[in-house]
Amino acid sequence: MKVYGIPNCNTVKKALDWFKANQVIYEFHDFKKLGISPEKLKEWDTKAGYEKFMNKAGLTWKQLDPAIKESIKTKADGLQLLQQKTSMIKRPVIEDGGFLFFGFDEAVYQQHFGK
């Protein structure tokens, strides 16, 4: 299983704490240090749609220049912005086989991981 996120994000911390408490083994991918490939973003978009993981409620989006926000007209525009500003990706991203989930929801985790 792979967890994508930023280590100092409170939501990521909650998820990682939950995994540790429930003895779920994971590999962590730090967006800040490792970035994210265009291929991975396209894969997530194919499975879920980029709107599902573009966090427009977060500080990064809110602080964007209005002209940049207005320039997001297509999927390609959105994915390019997400690659440049990985802190706009809803976190954490959980990949476990065919399971793909954005964010922290203890009920969803319990159901999927059977804990």
Protein backbone atom coordinates (compact mmCIF):
# COMPACT_ATOMS: atom_id res chain seq x y z
CA MET A 1 0.00 0.00 0.00
CA LYS A 2 1.19 3.49 -0.78
CA VAL A 3 0.27 6.75 0.96
CA TYR A 4 0.93 10.03 -0.83
CA GLY A 5 1.01 13.27 1.10
CA ILE A 6 2.94 15.91 2.99
CA PRO A 7 4.28 14.86 6.41
CA ASN A 8 3.30 18.07 8.23
CA CYS A 9 -0.32 17.99 6.98
CA ASN A 10 -2.72 17.33 9.88
CA THR A 11 -4.96 15.09 7.78
CA VAL A 12 -1.98 13.02 6.64
CA LYS A 13 -0.82 12.76 10.26
CA LYS A 14 -4.27 11.46 11.29
CA ALA A 15 -4.17 8.83 8.54
CA LEU A 16 -0.62 7.71 9.35
CA ASP A 17 -1.47 7.51 13.06
CA TRP A 18 -4.52 5.39 12.19
CA PHE A 19 -2.40 3.06 10.04
CA LYS A 20 0.18 2.68 12.81
CA ALA A 21 -2.49 2.05 15.47
CA ASN A 22 -4.11 -0.56 13.23
CA GLN A 23 -0.83 -2.14 12.13
CA VAL A 24 -1.35 -1.34 8.45
CA ILE A 25 1.98 -1.39 6.62
CA TYR A 26 2.46 1.40 4.10
CA GLU A 27 5.05 3.12 1.96
CA PHE A 28 5.02 6.93 2.18
CA HIS A 29 5.51 9.20 -0.84
CA ASP A 30 6.30 12.78 0.18
CA PHE A 31 4.93 15.23 -2.42
CA LYS A 32 7.27 17.98 -1.21
CA LYS A 33 10.44 15.91 -1.65
CA LEU A 34 9.47 13.61 -4.52
CA GLY A 35 6.81 15.54 -6.44
CA ILE A 36 4.30 13.61 -8.51
CA SER A 37 4.57 12.39 -12.08
CA PRO A 38 2.19 13.47 -14.82
CA GLU A 39 1.53 9.75 -15.43
CA LYS A 40 0.38 9.19 -11.82
CA LEU A 41 -1.93 12.22 -11.98
CA LYS A 42 -3.40 10.92 -15.25
CA GLU A 43 -3.90 7.50 -13.67
CA TRP A 44 -5.80 9.02 -10.73
CA ASP A 45 -7.79 11.20 -13.12
CA THR A 46 -8.79 8.15 -15.16
CA LYS A 47 -9.94 6.34 -12.01
CA ALA A 48 -11.58 9.22 -10.13
CA GLY A 49 -11.56 12.46 -12.14
CA TYR A 50 -9.11 15.22 -11.23
CA GLU A 51 -11.88 17.33 -9.66
CA LYS A 52 -12.10 14.68 -6.92
CA PHE A 53 -8.51 15.28 -5.81
CA MET A 54 -8.02 18.97 -6.62
CA ASN A 55 -8.47 20.61 -3.23
CA LYS A 56 -10.20 23.92 -3.84
CA ALA A 57 -10.99 24.30 -0.13
CA GLY A 58 -7.32 24.50 0.88
CA LEU A 59 -5.06 27.46 1.47
CA THR A 60 -2.96 26.88 -1.66
CA TRP A 61 -6.01 27.27 -3.93
CA LYS A 62 -7.31 30.25 -1.97
CA GLN A 63 -3.95 32.03 -2.29
CA LEU A 64 -3.66 31.48 -6.04
CA ASP A 65 -3.79 34.49 -8.28
CA PRO A 66 -7.34 34.80 -9.66
CA ALA A 67 -5.93 34.74 -13.19
CA ILE A 68 -4.43 31.30 -12.55
CA LYS A 69 -7.73 30.03 -11.16
CA GLU A 70 -9.54 31.34 -14.23
CA SER A 71 -6.98 29.68 -16.54
CA ILE A 72 -8.05 26.17 -15.43
CA LYS A 73 -10.37 25.38 -18.34
CA THR A 74 -9.45 21.79 -19.19
CA LYS A 75 -8.38 18.57 -17.53
CA ALA A 76 -4.86 19.13 -18.88
CA ASP A 77 -4.77 22.58 -17.24
CA GLY A 78 -5.89 21.12 -13.93
CA LEU A 79 -3.40 18.27 -13.99
CA GLN A 80 -0.55 20.60 -14.89
CA LEU A 81 -1.40 22.88 -11.98
CA LEU A 82 -1.59 19.90 -9.60
CA GLN A 83 1.85 18.75 -10.70
CA GLN A 84 3.29 22.22 -10.10
CA LYS A 85 1.46 22.75 -6.80
CA THR A 86 1.28 19.33 -5.16
CA SER A 87 -0.07 20.89 -1.95
CA MET A 88 -3.35 21.33 -3.88
CA ILE A 89 -3.82 17.56 -4.07
CA LYS A 90 -6.37 16.35 -1.52
CA ARG A 91 -4.40 14.42 1.08
CA PRO A 92 -3.59 11.77 1.85
CA VAL A 93 -3.96 9.74 -1.32
CA ILE A 94 -4.28 6.04 -0.49
CA GLU A 95 -3.48 3.41 -3.14
CA ASP A 96 -3.97 -0.21 -2.19
CA GLY A 97 -4.38 -2.47 -5.18
CA GLY A 98 -7.53 -1.24 -6.92
CA PHE A 99 -8.51 0.89 -3.91
CA LEU A 100 -7.96 4.63 -4.41
CA PHE A 101 -9.08 7.10 -1.76
CA PHE A 102 -8.44 10.80 -1.17
CA GLY A 103 -8.48 12.17 2.37
CA PHE A 104 -9.04 10.65 5.80
CA ASP A 105 -12.25 8.89 6.72
CA GLU A 106 -11.92 6.38 9.55
CA ALA A 107 -15.09 4.51 8.52
CA VAL A 108 -13.80 4.03 4.98
CA TYR A 109 -10.41 2.90 6.28
CA GLN A 110 -12.04 0.44 8.71
CA GLN A 111 -14.20 -0.98 5.95
CA HIS A 112 -11.33 -1.34 3.46
CA PHE A 113 -8.61 -2.54 5.82
CA GLY A 114 -10.95 -4.63 7.97
CA LYS A 115 -9.74 -3.10 11.24
